[in-house]
Amino acid sequence: MEHKLSLDEFDALEQVSTLKKGAKPSACVNRNAKRLSGIKLIAFRRDGGLELTDNGRQFLFIKQCLDGLRTLADGGSHSLPSAVAQFLARKSHIEAANEPGQWQITERGRESLAESASQA
């Protein structure tokens, strides 16, 4: 993730991802639209609406993966969204726990978390 975003900008990005076509964006989205479009995470459609770019979708997915790893590392809920769990398992950052549908973080996942924390 090359760009550092504030919590408000992440919130706006998540809101754009769920924004229905033709719906009016929130004040949070309006506040952050210029910067997010400038770094190519969202784009303005021809009708004036907003949509996520491929980079924006990738940015949100990486954030979900890191949030999932942090949750597992802190001993929180051991269930993850399926796409996130599949990706992290394929990369050997998590492994199946004793119960079905539950996950635990691996040493490689801890190293990845430490690396992302040092970059922040």
PDB file of N, CA and C in Angstrom:
ATOM      1  N   MET A   1       0.845  -1.154   0.000  1.00  0.00           N
ATOM      2  CA  MET A   1       0.000   0.000   0.000  1.00  0.00           C
ATOM      3  C   MET A   1       0.900   1.229   0.000  1.00  0.00           C
ATOM      4  N   GLU A   2       0.973   1.871  -1.105  1.00  0.00           N
ATOM      5  CA  GLU A   2       1.889   2.983  -1.282  1.00  0.00           C
ATOM      6  C   GLU A   2       1.411   4.246  -0.582  1.00  0.00           C
ATOM      7  N   HIS A   3       0.110   4.427  -0.495  1.00  0.00           N
ATOM      8  CA  HIS A   3      -0.448   5.663   0.049  1.00  0.00           C
ATOM      9  C   HIS A   3      -0.913   5.429   1.478  1.00  0.00           C
ATOM     10  N   LYS A   4      -0.633   6.385   2.324  1.00  0.00           N
ATOM     11  CA  LYS A   4      -1.124   6.317   3.697  1.00  0.00           C
ATOM     12  C   LYS A   4      -2.459   7.053   3.745  1.00  0.00           C
ATOM     13  N   LEU A   5      -3.473   6.343   4.196  1.00  0.00           N
ATOM     14  CA  LEU A   5      -4.809   6.926   4.283  1.00  0.00           C
ATOM     15  C   LEU A   5      -5.195   7.106   5.741  1.00  0.00           C
ATOM     16  N   SER A   6      -5.956   8.141   6.002  1.00  0.00           N
ATOM     17  CA  SER A   6      -6.493   8.356   7.341  1.00  0.00           C
ATOM     18  C   SER A   6      -7.685   7.417   7.540  1.00  0.00           C
ATOM     19  N   LEU A   7      -8.127   7.300   8.779  1.00  0.00           N
ATOM     20  CA  LEU A   7      -9.300   6.468   9.060  1.00  0.00           C
ATOM     21  C   LEU A   7     -10.521   6.986   8.312  1.00  0.00           C
ATOM     22  N   ASP A   8     -10.643   8.300   8.211  1.00  0.00           N
ATOM     23  CA  ASP A   8     -11.758   8.916   7.502  1.00  0.00           C
ATOM     24  C   ASP A   8     -11.725   8.535   6.016  1.00  0.00           C
ATOM     25  N   GLU A   9     -10.529   8.511   5.438  1.00  0.00           N
ATOM     26  CA  GLU A   9     -10.399   8.147   4.022  1.00  0.00           C
ATOM     27  C   GLU A   9     -10.702   6.669   3.804  1.00  0.00           C
ATOM     28  N   PHE A  10     -10.269   5.800   4.738  1.00  0.00           N
ATOM     29  CA  PHE A  10     -10.617   4.382   4.638  1.00  0.00           C
ATOM     30  C   PHE A  10     -12.125   4.198   4.738  1.00  0.00           C
ATOM     31  N   ASP A  11     -12.747   4.927   5.653  1.00  0.00           N
ATOM     32  CA  ASP A  11     -14.191   4.849   5.814  1.00  0.00           C
ATOM     33  C   ASP A  11     -14.896   5.279   4.527  1.00  0.00           C
ATOM     34  N   ALA A  12     -14.419   6.354   3.920  1.00  0.00           N
ATOM     35  CA  ALA A  12     -15.008   6.829   2.665  1.00  0.00           C
ATOM     36  C   ALA A  12     -14.835   5.791   1.562  1.00  0.00           C
ATOM     37  N   LEU A  13     -13.681   5.155   1.505  1.00  0.00           N
ATOM     38  CA  LEU A  13     -13.420   4.132   0.497  1.00  0.00           C
ATOM     39  C   LEU A  13     -14.371   2.948   0.669  1.00  0.00           C
ATOM     40  N   GLU A  14     -14.584   2.532   1.911  1.00  0.00           N
ATOM     41  CA  GLU A  14     -15.522   1.441   2.181  1.00  0.00           C
ATOM     42  C   GLU A  14     -16.951   1.838   1.821  1.00  0.00           C
ATOM     43  N   GLN A  15     -17.316   3.092   2.085  1.00  0.00           N
ATOM     44  CA  GLN A  15     -18.658   3.552   1.736  1.00  0.00           C
ATOM     45  C   GLN A  15     -18.858   3.581   0.224  1.00  0.00           C
ATOM     46  N   VAL A  16     -17.837   3.972  -0.518  1.00  0.00           N
ATOM     47  CA  VAL A  16     -17.939   3.980  -1.982  1.00  0.00           C
ATOM     48  C   VAL A  16     -18.120   2.553  -2.493  1.00  0.00           C
ATOM     49  N   SER A  17     -17.483   1.584  -1.831  1.00  0.00           N
ATOM     50  CA  SER A  17     -17.592   0.194  -2.282  1.00  0.00           C
ATOM     51  C   SER A  17     -19.014  -0.338  -2.148  1.00  0.00           C
ATOM     52  N   THR A  18     -19.784   0.205  -1.211  1.00  0.00           N
ATOM     53  CA  THR A  18     -21.158  -0.256  -1.018  1.00  0.00           C
ATOM     54  C   THR A  18     -22.196   0.711  -1.576  1.00  0.00           C
ATOM     55  N   LEU A  19     -21.741   1.806  -2.164  1.00  0.00           N
ATOM     56  CA  LEU A  19     -22.645   2.830  -2.688  1.00  0.00           C
ATOM     57  C   LEU A  19     -23.384   2.306  -3.918  1.00  0.00           C
ATOM     58  N   LYS A  20     -24.694   2.377  -3.876  1.00  0.00           N
ATOM     59  CA  LYS A  20     -25.497   1.935  -5.018  1.00  0.00           C
ATOM     60  C   LYS A  20     -25.445   2.982  -6.122  1.00  0.00           C
ATOM     61  N   LYS A  21     -25.607   2.526  -7.349  1.00  0.00           N
ATOM     62  CA  LYS A  21     -25.566   3.432  -8.495  1.00  0.00           C
ATOM     63  C   LYS A  21     -26.714   4.437  -8.379  1.00  0.00           C
ATOM     64  N   GLY A  22     -26.385   5.700  -8.516  1.00  0.00           N
ATOM     65  CA  GLY A  22     -27.382   6.758  -8.434  1.00  0.00           C
ATOM     66  C   GLY A  22     -27.646   7.254  -7.023  1.00  0.00           C
ATOM     67  N   ALA A  23     -27.061   6.591  -6.011  1.00  0.00           N
ATOM     68  CA  ALA A  23     -27.259   7.017  -4.625  1.00  0.00           C
ATOM     69  C   ALA A  23     -26.374   8.218  -4.313  1.00  0.00           C
ATOM     70  N   LYS A  24     -26.859   9.040  -3.410  1.00  0.00           N
ATOM     71  CA  LYS A  24     -26.113  10.238  -3.023  1.00  0.00           C
ATOM     72  C   LYS A  24     -25.031   9.851  -2.010  1.00  0.00           C
ATOM     73  N   PRO A  25     -23.774  10.235  -2.265  1.00  0.00           N
ATOM     74  CA  PRO A  25     -22.701   9.894  -1.322  1.00  0.00           C
ATOM     75  C   PRO A  25     -22.820  10.687  -0.022  1.00  0.00           C
ATOM     76  N   SER A  26     -22.266  10.126   1.031  1.00  0.00           N
ATOM     77  CA  SER A  26     -22.314  10.783   2.342  1.00  0.00           C
ATOM     78  C   SER A  26     -21.337  11.955   2.395  1.00  0.00           C
ATOM     79  N   ALA A  27     -21.423  12.714   3.468  1.00  0.00           N
ATOM     80  CA  ALA A  27     -20.514  13.846   3.659  1.00  0.00           C
ATOM     81  C   ALA A  27     -19.069  13.365   3.767  1.00  0.00           C
ATOM     82  N   CYS A  28     -18.878  12.217   4.376  1.00  0.00           N
ATOM     83  CA  CYS A  28     -17.531  11.642   4.505  1.00  0.00           C
ATOM     84  C   CYS A  28     -16.939  11.359   3.128  1.00  0.00           C
ATOM     85  N   VAL A  29     -17.731  10.775   2.249  1.00  0.00           N
ATOM     86  CA  VAL A  29     -17.264  10.473   0.890  1.00  0.00           C
ATOM     87  C   VAL A  29     -16.968  11.767   0.149  1.00  0.00           C
ATOM     88  N   ASN A  30     -17.860  12.741   0.258  1.00  0.00           N
ATOM     89  CA  ASN A  30     -17.652  14.024  -0.425  1.00  0.00           C
ATOM     90  C   ASN A  30     -16.388  14.733   0.052  1.00  0.00           C
ATOM     91  N   ARG A  31     -16.113  14.641   1.358  1.00  0.00           N
ATOM     92  CA  ARG A  31     -14.913  15.270   1.920  1.00  0.00           C
ATOM     93  C   ARG A  31     -13.630  14.668   1.352  1.00  0.00           C
ATOM     94  N   ASN A  32     -13.654  13.369   1.079  1.00  0.00           N
ATOM     95  CA  ASN A  32     -12.435  12.657   0.703  1.00  0.00           C
ATOM     96  C   ASN A  32     -12.363  12.286  -0.774  1.00  0.00           C
ATOM     97  N   ALA A  33     -13.384  12.619  -1.545  1.00  0.00           N
ATOM     98  CA  ALA A  33     -13.445  12.194  -2.949  1.00  0.00           C
ATOM     99  C   ALA A  33     -12.290  12.741  -3.779  1.00  0.00           C
ATOM    100  N   LYS A  34     -11.924  13.987  -3.570  1.00  0.00           N
ATOM    101  CA  LYS A  34     -10.867  14.591  -4.383  1.00  0.00           C
ATOM    102  C   LYS A  34      -9.536  13.866  -4.183  1.00  0.00           C
ATOM    103  N   ARG A  35      -9.154  13.627  -2.942  1.00  0.00           N
ATOM    104  CA  ARG A  35      -7.888  12.940  -2.676  1.00  0.00           C
ATOM    105  C   ARG A  35      -7.928  11.498  -3.164  1.00  0.00           C
ATOM    106  N   LEU A  36      -9.022  10.781  -2.890  1.00  0.00           N
ATOM    107  CA  LEU A  36      -9.115   9.379  -3.297  1.00  0.00           C
ATOM    108  C   LEU A  36      -9.121   9.228  -4.810  1.00  0.00           C
ATOM    109  N   SER A  37      -9.736  10.176  -5.509  1.00  0.00           N
ATOM    110  CA  SER A  37      -9.701  10.103  -6.974  1.00  0.00           C
ATOM    111  C   SER A  37      -8.332  10.523  -7.496  1.00  0.00           C
ATOM    112  N   GLY A  38      -7.665  11.417  -6.782  1.00  0.00           N
ATOM    113  CA  GLY A  38      -6.328  11.848  -7.178  1.00  0.00           C
ATOM    114  C   GLY A  38      -5.302  10.736  -7.100  1.00  0.00           C
ATOM    115  N   ILE A  39      -5.460   9.838  -6.127  1.00  0.00           N
ATOM    116  CA  ILE A  39      -4.532   8.710  -6.016  1.00  0.00           C
ATOM    117  C   ILE A  39      -5.107   7.450  -6.666  1.00  0.00           C
ATOM    118  N   LYS A  40      -6.135   7.653  -7.478  1.00  0.00           N
ATOM    119  CA  LYS A  40      -6.704   6.609  -8.339  1.00  0.00           C
ATOM    120  C   LYS A  40      -7.315   5.423  -7.585  1.00  0.00           C
ATOM    121  N   LEU A  41      -7.918   5.680  -6.416  1.00  0.00           N
ATOM    122  CA  LEU A  41      -8.614   4.627  -5.697  1.00  0.00           C
ATOM    123  C   LEU A  41     -10.107   4.629  -6.005  1.00  0.00           C
ATOM    124  N   ILE A  42     -10.633   5.792  -6.378  1.00  0.00           N
ATOM    125  CA  ILE A  42     -12.012   5.891  -6.852  1.00  0.00           C
ATOM    126  C   ILE A  42     -12.006   6.695  -8.145  1.00  0.00           C
ATOM    127  N   ALA A  43     -13.105   6.577  -8.875  1.00  0.00           N
ATOM    128  CA  ALA A  43     -13.232   7.327 -10.127  1.00  0.00           C
ATOM    129  C   ALA A  43     -14.644   7.884 -10.213  1.00  0.00           C
ATOM    130  N   PHE A  44     -14.755   9.002 -10.888  1.00  0.00           N
ATOM    131  CA  PHE A  44     -16.064   9.597 -11.144  1.00  0.00           C
ATOM    132  C   PHE A  44     -16.618   8.995 -12.426  1.00  0.00           C
ATOM    133  N   ARG A  45     -17.864   8.492 -12.347  1.00  0.00           N
ATOM    134  CA  ARG A  45     -18.517   7.966 -13.549  1.00  0.00           C
ATOM    135  C   ARG A  45     -19.038   9.131 -14.377  1.00  0.00           C
ATOM    136  N   ARG A  46     -19.454   8.825 -15.589  1.00  0.00           N
ATOM    137  CA  ARG A  46     -19.993   9.870 -16.475  1.00  0.00           C
ATOM    138  C   ARG A  46     -21.247  10.521 -15.916  1.00  0.00           C
ATOM    139  N   ASP A  47     -22.021   9.743 -15.152  1.00  0.00           N
ATOM    140  CA  ASP A  47     -23.244  10.299 -14.570  1.00  0.00           C
ATOM    141  C   ASP A  47     -22.974  11.092 -13.284  1.00  0.00           C
ATOM    142  N   GLY A  48     -21.703  11.233 -12.905  1.00  0.00           N
ATOM    143  CA  GLY A  48     -21.340  12.003 -11.723  1.00  0.00           C
ATOM    144  C   GLY A  48     -21.194  11.173 -10.463  1.00  0.00           C
ATOM    145  N   GLY A  49     -21.559   9.898 -10.537  1.00  0.00           N
ATOM    146  CA  GLY A  49     -21.426   9.019  -9.378  1.00  0.00           C
ATOM    147  C   GLY A  49     -19.986   8.584  -9.165  1.00  0.00           C
ATOM    148  N   LEU A  50     -19.778   7.870  -8.094  1.00  0.00           N
ATOM    149  CA  LEU A  50     -18.441   7.390  -7.751  1.00  0.00           C
ATOM    150  C   LEU A  50     -18.397   5.871  -7.810  1.00  0.00           C
ATOM    151  N   GLU A  51     -17.232   5.341  -8.169  1.00  0.00           N
ATOM    152  CA  GLU A  51     -17.030   3.897  -8.158  1.00  0.00           C
ATOM    153  C   GLU A  51     -15.591   3.598  -7.768  1.00  0.00           C
ATOM    154  N   LEU A  52     -15.388   2.409  -7.214  1.00  0.00           N
ATOM    155  CA  LEU A  52     -14.039   1.976  -6.874  1.00  0.00           C
ATOM    156  C   LEU A  52     -13.289   1.586  -8.135  1.00  0.00           C
ATOM    157  N   THR A  53     -12.019   1.904  -8.184  1.00  0.00           N
ATOM    158  CA  THR A  53     -11.170   1.424  -9.268  1.00  0.00           C
ATOM    159  C   THR A  53     -10.622   0.060  -8.852  1.00  0.00           C
ATOM    160  N   ASP A  54      -9.914  -0.601  -9.746  1.00  0.00           N
ATOM    161  CA  ASP A  54      -9.284  -1.874  -9.399  1.00  0.00           C
ATOM    162  C   ASP A  54      -8.286  -1.683  -8.258  1.00  0.00           C
ATOM    163  N   ASN A  55      -7.556  -0.573  -8.296  1.00  0.00           N
ATOM    164  CA  ASN A  55      -6.615  -0.274  -7.209  1.00  0.00           C
ATOM    165  C   ASN A  55      -7.348  -0.082  -5.888  1.00  0.00           C
ATOM    166  N   GLY A  56      -8.507   0.547  -5.937  1.00  0.00           N
ATOM    167  CA  GLY A  56      -9.302   0.750  -4.728  1.00  0.00           C
ATOM    168  C   GLY A  56      -9.787  -0.559  -4.144  1.00  0.00           C
ATOM    169  N   ARG A  57     -10.254  -1.472  -5.008  1.00  0.00           N
ATOM    170  CA  ARG A  57     -10.685  -2.790  -4.545  1.00  0.00           C
ATOM    171  C   ARG A  57      -9.514  -3.554  -3.923  1.00  0.00           C
ATOM    172  N   GLN A  58      -8.356  -3.477  -4.572  1.00  0.00           N
ATOM    173  CA  GLN A  58      -7.168  -4.153  -4.060  1.00  0.00           C
ATOM    174  C   GLN A  58      -6.751  -3.556  -2.709  1.00  0.00           C
ATOM    175  N   PHE A  59      -6.810  -2.255  -2.593  1.00  0.00           N
ATOM    176  CA  PHE A  59      -6.458  -1.557  -1.358  1.00  0.00           C
ATOM    177  C   PHE A  59      -7.352  -2.024  -0.210  1.00  0.00           C
ATOM    178  N   LEU A  60      -8.667  -2.086  -0.462  1.00  0.00           N
ATOM    179  CA  LEU A  60      -9.601  -2.535   0.573  1.00  0.00           C
ATOM    180  C   LEU A  60      -9.367  -3.992   0.942  1.00  0.00           C
ATOM    181  N   PHE A  61      -9.068  -4.829  -0.055  1.00  0.00           N
ATOM    182  CA  PHE A  61      -8.837  -6.248   0.211  1.00  0.00           C
ATOM    183  C   PHE A  61      -7.598  -6.434   1.088  1.00  0.00           C
ATOM    184  N   ILE A  62      -6.540  -5.701   0.795  1.00  0.00           N
ATOM    185  CA  ILE A  62      -5.321  -5.796   1.603  1.00  0.00           C
ATOM    186  C   ILE A  62      -5.604  -5.350   3.036  1.00  0.00           C
ATOM    187  N   LYS A  63      -6.405  -4.297   3.178  1.00  0.00           N
ATOM    188  CA  LYS A  63      -6.765  -3.828   4.523  1.00  0.00           C
ATOM    189  C   LYS A  63      -7.559  -4.902   5.264  1.00  0.00           C
ATOM    190  N   GLN A  64      -8.493  -5.576   4.577  1.00  0.00           N
ATOM    191  CA  GLN A  64      -9.263  -6.647   5.202  1.00  0.00           C
ATOM    192  C   GLN A  64      -8.354  -7.798   5.629  1.00  0.00           C
ATOM    193  N   CYS A  65      -7.367  -8.114   4.795  1.00  0.00           N
ATOM    194  CA  CYS A  65      -6.420  -9.185   5.129  1.00  0.00           C
ATOM    195  C   CYS A  65      -5.604  -8.821   6.369  1.00  0.00           C
ATOM    196  N   LEU A  66      -5.094  -7.602   6.412  1.00  0.00           N
ATOM    197  CA  LEU A  66      -4.306  -7.171   7.571  1.00  0.00           C
ATOM    198  C   LEU A  66      -5.164  -7.108   8.834  1.00  0.00           C
ATOM    199  N   ASP A  67      -6.392  -6.629   8.702  1.00  0.00           N
ATOM    200  CA  ASP A  67      -7.296  -6.590   9.854  1.00  0.00           C
ATOM    201  C   ASP A  67      -7.588  -8.005  10.355  1.00  0.00           C
ATOM    202  N   GLY A  68      -7.770  -8.944   9.427  1.00  0.00           N
ATOM    203  CA  GLY A  68      -7.995 -10.340   9.799  1.00  0.00           C
ATOM    204  C   GLY A  68      -6.799 -10.936  10.516  1.00  0.00           C
ATOM    205  N   LEU A  69      -5.604 -10.669  10.013  1.00  0.00           N
ATOM    206  CA  LEU A  69      -4.388 -11.165  10.673  1.00  0.00           C
ATOM    207  C   LEU A  69      -4.243 -10.564  12.071  1.00  0.00           C
ATOM    208  N   ARG A  70      -4.539  -9.273  12.212  1.00  0.00           N
ATOM    209  CA  ARG A  70      -4.448  -8.626  13.529  1.00  0.00           C
ATOM    210  C   ARG A  70      -5.441  -9.244  14.509  1.00  0.00           C
ATOM    211  N   THR A  71      -6.652  -9.520  14.027  1.00  0.00           N
ATOM    212  CA  THR A  71      -7.673 -10.130  14.878  1.00  0.00           C
ATOM    213  C   THR A  71      -7.217 -11.499  15.361  1.00  0.00           C
ATOM    214  N   LEU A  72      -6.676 -12.294  14.445  1.00  0.00           N
ATOM    215  CA  LEU A  72      -6.199 -13.622  14.825  1.00  0.00           C
ATOM    216  C   LEU A  72      -5.001 -13.534  15.769  1.00  0.00           C
ATOM    217  N   ALA A  73      -4.100 -12.597  15.531  1.00  0.00           N
ATOM    218  CA  ALA A  73      -2.920 -12.441  16.379  1.00  0.00           C
ATOM    219  C   ALA A  73      -3.304 -11.999  17.792  1.00  0.00           C
ATOM    220  N   ASP A  74      -4.368 -11.204  17.905  1.00  0.00           N
ATOM    221  CA  ASP A  74      -4.825 -10.731  19.214  1.00  0.00           C
ATOM    222  C   ASP A  74      -5.686 -11.763  19.932  1.00  0.00           C
ATOM    223  N   GLY A  75      -5.932 -12.900  19.282  1.00  0.00           N
ATOM    224  CA  GLY A  75      -6.736 -13.946  19.894  1.00  0.00           C
ATOM    225  C   GLY A  75      -8.219 -13.682  19.809  1.00  0.00           C
ATOM    226  N   GLY A  76      -8.624 -12.832  18.891  1.00  0.00           N
ATOM    227  CA  GLY A  76     -10.037 -12.502  18.727  1.00  0.00           C
ATOM    228  C   GLY A  76     -10.787 -13.583  17.967  1.00  0.00           C
ATOM    229  N   SER A  77     -11.853 -13.185  17.326  1.00  0.00           N
ATOM    230  CA  SER A  77     -12.686 -14.100  16.546  1.00  0.00           C
ATOM    231  C   SER A  77     -11.827 -14.841  15.526  1.00  0.00           C
ATOM    232  N   HIS A  78     -12.019 -16.133  15.448  1.00  0.00           N
ATOM    233  CA  HIS A  78     -11.185 -16.944  14.567  1.00  0.00           C
ATOM    234  C   HIS A  78     -11.835 -17.230  13.224  1.00  0.00           C
ATOM    235  N   SER A  79     -12.965 -16.615  12.933  1.00  0.00           N
ATOM    236  CA  SER A  79     -13.581 -16.804  11.620  1.00  0.00           C
ATOM    237  C   SER A  79     -13.318 -15.562  10.774  1.00  0.00           C
ATOM    238  N   LEU A  80     -13.080 -15.778   9.486  1.00  0.00           N
ATOM    239  CA  LEU A  80     -12.762 -14.691   8.557  1.00  0.00           C
ATOM    240  C   LEU A  80     -13.678 -14.781   7.351  1.00  0.00           C
ATOM    241  N   PRO A  81     -13.874 -13.673   6.626  1.00  0.00           N
ATOM    242  CA  PRO A  81     -14.612 -13.752   5.357  1.00  0.00           C
ATOM    243  C   PRO A  81     -13.929 -14.767   4.431  1.00  0.00           C
ATOM    244  N   SER A  82     -14.713 -15.476   3.648  1.00  0.00           N
ATOM    245  CA  SER A  82     -14.166 -16.590   2.865  1.00  0.00           C
ATOM    246  C   SER A  82     -13.066 -16.172   1.897  1.00  0.00           C
ATOM    247  N   ALA A  83     -13.234 -15.054   1.192  1.00  0.00           N
ATOM    248  CA  ALA A  83     -12.210 -14.631   0.231  1.00  0.00           C
ATOM    249  C   ALA A  83     -10.904 -14.298   0.940  1.00  0.00           C
ATOM    250  N   VAL A  84     -11.000 -13.645   2.081  1.00  0.00           N
ATOM    251  CA  VAL A  84      -9.812 -13.287   2.861  1.00  0.00           C
ATOM    252  C   VAL A  84      -9.146 -14.555   3.392  1.00  0.00           C
ATOM    253  N   ALA A  85      -9.945 -15.464   3.939  1.00  0.00           N
ATOM    254  CA  ALA A  85      -9.394 -16.707   4.486  1.00  0.00           C
ATOM    255  C   ALA A  85      -8.715 -17.538   3.400  1.00  0.00           C
ATOM    256  N   GLN A  86      -9.330 -17.640   2.224  1.00  0.00           N
ATOM    257  CA  GLN A  86      -8.723 -18.406   1.130  1.00  0.00           C
ATOM    258  C   GLN A  86      -7.390 -17.804   0.715  1.00  0.00           C
ATOM    259  N   PHE A  87      -7.340 -16.490   0.590  1.00  0.00           N
ATOM    260  CA  PHE A  87      -6.107 -15.827   0.175  1.00  0.00           C
ATOM    261  C   PHE A  87      -5.006 -16.021   1.210  1.00  0.00           C
ATOM    262  N   LEU A  88      -5.326 -15.777   2.481  1.00  0.00           N
ATOM    263  CA  LEU A  88      -4.317 -15.900   3.534  1.00  0.00           C
ATOM    264  C   LEU A  88      -3.858 -17.345   3.708  1.00  0.00           C
ATOM    265  N   ALA A  89      -4.761 -18.302   3.535  1.00  0.00           N
ATOM    266  CA  ALA A  89      -4.378 -19.715   3.639  1.00  0.00           C
ATOM    267  C   ALA A  89      -3.483 -20.115   2.469  1.00  0.00           C
ATOM    268  N   ARG A  90      -3.793 -19.630   1.281  1.00  0.00           N
ATOM    269  CA  ARG A  90      -2.975 -19.932   0.105  1.00  0.00           C
ATOM    270  C   ARG A  90      -1.566 -19.372   0.265  1.00  0.00           C
ATOM    271  N   LYS A  91      -1.449 -18.220   0.923  1.00  0.00           N
ATOM    272  CA  LYS A  91      -0.142 -17.594   1.149  1.00  0.00           C
ATOM    273  C   LYS A  91       0.527 -18.109   2.429  1.00  0.00           C
ATOM    274  N   SER A  92      -0.090 -19.082   3.094  1.00  0.00           N
ATOM    275  CA  SER A  92       0.430 -19.707   4.324  1.00  0.00           C
ATOM    276  C   SER A  92       0.552 -18.727   5.489  1.00  0.00           C
ATOM    277  N   HIS A  93      -0.320 -17.731   5.537  1.00  0.00           N
ATOM    278  CA  HIS A  93      -0.331 -16.800   6.663  1.00  0.00           C
ATOM    279  C   HIS A  93      -1.247 -17.301   7.778  1.00  0.00           C
ATOM    280  N   ILE A  94      -2.200 -18.159   7.424  1.00  0.00           N
ATOM    281  CA  ILE A  94      -3.092 -18.748   8.419  1.00  0.00           C
ATOM    282  C   ILE A  94      -3.217 -20.236   8.128  1.00  0.00           C
ATOM    283  N   GLU A  95      -3.678 -20.982   9.137  1.00  0.00           N
ATOM    284  CA  GLU A  95      -3.940 -22.407   8.961  1.00  0.00           C
ATOM    285  C   GLU A  95      -5.213 -22.748   9.716  1.00  0.00           C
ATOM    286  N   ALA A  96      -5.811 -23.862   9.344  1.00  0.00           N
ATOM    287  CA  ALA A  96      -7.062 -24.267   9.971  1.00  0.00           C
ATOM    288  C   ALA A  96      -6.832 -24.590  11.443  1.00  0.00           C
ATOM    289  N   ALA A  97      -7.762 -24.163  12.273  1.00  0.00           N
ATOM    290  CA  ALA A  97      -7.708 -24.472  13.706  1.00  0.00           C
ATOM    291  C   ALA A  97      -8.418 -25.802  13.935  1.00  0.00           C
ATOM    292  N   ASN A  98      -8.589 -26.179  15.182  1.00  0.00           N
ATOM    293  CA  ASN A  98      -9.214 -27.461  15.510  1.00  0.00           C
ATOM    294  C   ASN A  98     -10.672 -27.525  15.082  1.00  0.00           C
ATOM    295  N   GLU A  99     -11.385 -26.417  15.170  1.00  0.00           N
ATOM    296  CA  GLU A  99     -12.804 -26.393  14.818  1.00  0.00           C
ATOM    297  C   GLU A  99     -12.969 -26.023  13.351  1.00  0.00           C
ATOM    298  N   PRO A 100     -13.960 -26.607  12.663  1.00  0.00           N
ATOM    299  CA  PRO A 100     -14.172 -26.259  11.251  1.00  0.00           C
ATOM    300  C   PRO A 100     -14.561 -24.790  11.092  1.00  0.00           C
ATOM    301  N   GLY A 101     -14.008 -24.144  10.064  1.00  0.00           N
ATOM    302  CA  GLY A 101     -14.315 -22.749   9.791  1.00  0.00           C
ATOM    303  C   GLY A 101     -13.541 -21.771  10.657  1.00  0.00           C
ATOM    304  N   GLN A 102     -12.682 -22.266  11.513  1.00  0.00           N
ATOM    305  CA  GLN A 102     -11.879 -21.422  12.398  1.00  0.00           C
ATOM    306  C   GLN A 102     -10.432 -21.428  11.921  1.00  0.00           C
ATOM    307  N   TRP A 103      -9.735 -20.331  12.162  1.00  0.00           N
ATOM    308  CA  TRP A 103      -8.369 -20.176  11.664  1.00  0.00           C
ATOM    309  C   TRP A 103      -7.445 -19.730  12.773  1.00  0.00           C
ATOM    310  N   GLN A 104      -6.166 -20.013  12.594  1.00  0.00           N
ATOM    311  CA  GLN A 104      -5.137 -19.493  13.495  1.00  0.00           C
ATOM    312  C   GLN A 104      -3.977 -18.979  12.658  1.00  0.00           C
ATOM    313  N   ILE A 105      -3.289 -17.989  13.183  1.00  0.00           N
ATOM    314  CA  ILE A 105      -2.209 -17.340  12.448  1.00  0.00           C
ATOM    315  C   ILE A 105      -0.943 -18.204  12.528  1.00  0.00           C
ATOM    316  N   THR A 106      -0.179 -18.225  11.445  1.00  0.00           N
ATOM    317  CA  THR A 106       1.083 -18.965  11.402  1.00  0.00           C
ATOM    318  C   THR A 106       2.244 -18.016  11.697  1.00  0.00           C
ATOM    319  N   GLU A 107       3.430 -18.584  11.800  1.00  0.00           N
ATOM    320  CA  GLU A 107       4.623 -17.756  12.026  1.00  0.00           C
ATOM    321  C   GLU A 107       4.833 -16.802  10.853  1.00  0.00           C
ATOM    322  N   ARG A 108       4.573 -17.292   9.650  1.00  0.00           N
ATOM    323  CA  ARG A 108       4.708 -16.435   8.465  1.00  0.00           C
ATOM    324  C   ARG A 108       3.727 -15.260   8.530  1.00  0.00           C
ATOM    325  N   GLY A 109       2.534 -15.510   9.020  1.00  0.00           N
ATOM    326  CA  GLY A 109       1.554 -14.443   9.189  1.00  0.00           C
ATOM    327  C   GLY A 109       2.005 -13.415  10.211  1.00  0.00           C
ATOM    328  N   ARG A 110       2.612 -13.886  11.302  1.00  0.00           N
ATOM    329  CA  ARG A 110       3.138 -12.965  12.319  1.00  0.00           C
ATOM    330  C   ARG A 110       4.266 -12.104  11.743  1.00  0.00           C
ATOM    331  N   GLU A 111       5.129 -12.717  10.931  1.00  0.00           N
ATOM    332  CA  GLU A 111       6.214 -11.963  10.295  1.00  0.00           C
ATOM    333  C   GLU A 111       5.653 -10.897   9.358  1.00  0.00           C
ATOM    334  N   SER A 112       4.627 -11.260   8.618  1.00  0.00           N
ATOM    335  CA  SER A 112       4.000 -10.317   7.697  1.00  0.00           C
ATOM    336  C   SER A 112       3.367  -9.148   8.455  1.00  0.00           C
ATOM    337  N   LEU A 113       2.726  -9.452   9.575  1.00  0.00           N
ATOM    338  CA  LEU A 113       2.138  -8.399  10.411  1.00  0.00           C
ATOM    339  C   LEU A 113       3.214  -7.479  10.971  1.00  0.00           C
ATOM    340  N   ALA A 114       4.317  -8.052  11.425  1.00  0.00           N
ATOM    341  CA  ALA A 114       5.409  -7.245  11.973  1.00  0.00           C
ATOM    342  C   ALA A 114       5.995  -6.345  10.890  1.00  0.00           C
ATOM    343  N   GLU A 115       6.112  -6.872   9.681  1.00  0.00           N
ATOM    344  CA  GLU A 115       6.635  -6.076   8.562  1.00  0.00           C
ATOM    345  C   GLU A 115       5.706  -4.915   8.230  1.00  0.00           C
ATOM    346  N   SER A 116       4.399  -5.179   8.204  1.00  0.00           N
ATOM    347  CA  SER A 116       3.452  -4.099   7.887  1.00  0.00           C
ATOM    348  C   SER A 116       3.426  -3.056   9.000  1.00  0.00           C
ATOM    349  N   ALA A 117       3.612  -3.491  10.245  1.00  0.00           N
ATOM    350  CA  ALA A 117       3.640  -2.544  11.363  1.00  0.00           C
ATOM    351  C   ALA A 117       4.888  -1.667  11.305  1.00  0.00           C
ATOM    352  N   SER A 118       5.989  -2.233  10.854  1.00  0.00           N
ATOM    353  CA  SER A 118       7.220  -1.441  10.774  1.00  0.00           C
ATOM    354  C   SER A 118       7.158  -0.419   9.641  1.00  0.00           C
ATOM    355  N   GLN A 119       6.358  -0.695   8.615  1.00  0.00           N
ATOM    356  CA  GLN A 119       6.210   0.231   7.493  1.00  0.00           C
ATOM    357  C   GLN A 119       5.249   1.360   7.817  1.00  0.00           C
ATOM    358  N   ALA A 120       4.369   1.134   8.777  1.00  0.00           N
ATOM    359  CA  ALA A 120       3.349   2.140   9.106  1.00  0.00           C
ATOM    360  C   ALA A 120       3.899   3.288   9.883  1.00  0.00           C
TER     361      ALA A 120
END
